[in-house]
Amino acid sequence: MYKFSQGFTFIELIIAMSILFITTTMAIPAMTSTLSNTRQNGEIALLMSQLQLARTEAIFQNKNMMMCKSSDKSQCQTDISWDQGWLIFNDKNNNKQRDNDEKVIFAQGKIVHVAKIFYNSFSGSSNYVRFYNRGYSYTNGTFTICHPFDLSSTKTVVLSRTGRVRLDETPNKLYQNKC
């Protein structure tokens, strides 16, 4: 009696493996880009939520709040970029620096999934954001978030004078030049 084999031939296995290899090779770059964009969007959401936290704390505590660049999570620094981290604190004496008697509300460490974050203030310093006790921002400004691999994916977080924070995903050559 003649029995039929139920397995694959060697040629069928090689063809199936070749197809799998080709599709995997084409899918990996797309997955890398998607993962990078997702990480960038998460970091943008974090920045926006921290700006809203600083504003909310200013209103809630009825005190001026400061958000400044900081890599050590304790003092404001002017010689670093915003992706190195930031502090939110009540600047009691309005000296734009955290003193020992001023409590840190939040300290953010280094942001690793974006290339750089820049802040451009329209009538103040690019080293800090200040919120008055009524929730108003000291000045208008934009945070530029540079994508690590794709300059066309550069996004901006816009801070209005009223304290409103919004995301602008429109590619802008002015901001891309900073990256």
Foldseek 3Di string as FASTA:
>chain_A
DDDDDDDDDPVVVVVVVVVVVVVVVVVVVVVVVVVLVVLLVVVVVVVQVVLVVLLVCLQVVVAKKKKFADAVQAWHDDPDFNQQWIWIWGPPVPPNIDDPVIDTPDITGHRDSFDGKWKDFPPDDRGMWMAGSNSFTPTKIKIWTHRPPDLLQIKIWTAHRNSDIDIGRHRDPVSSVVD
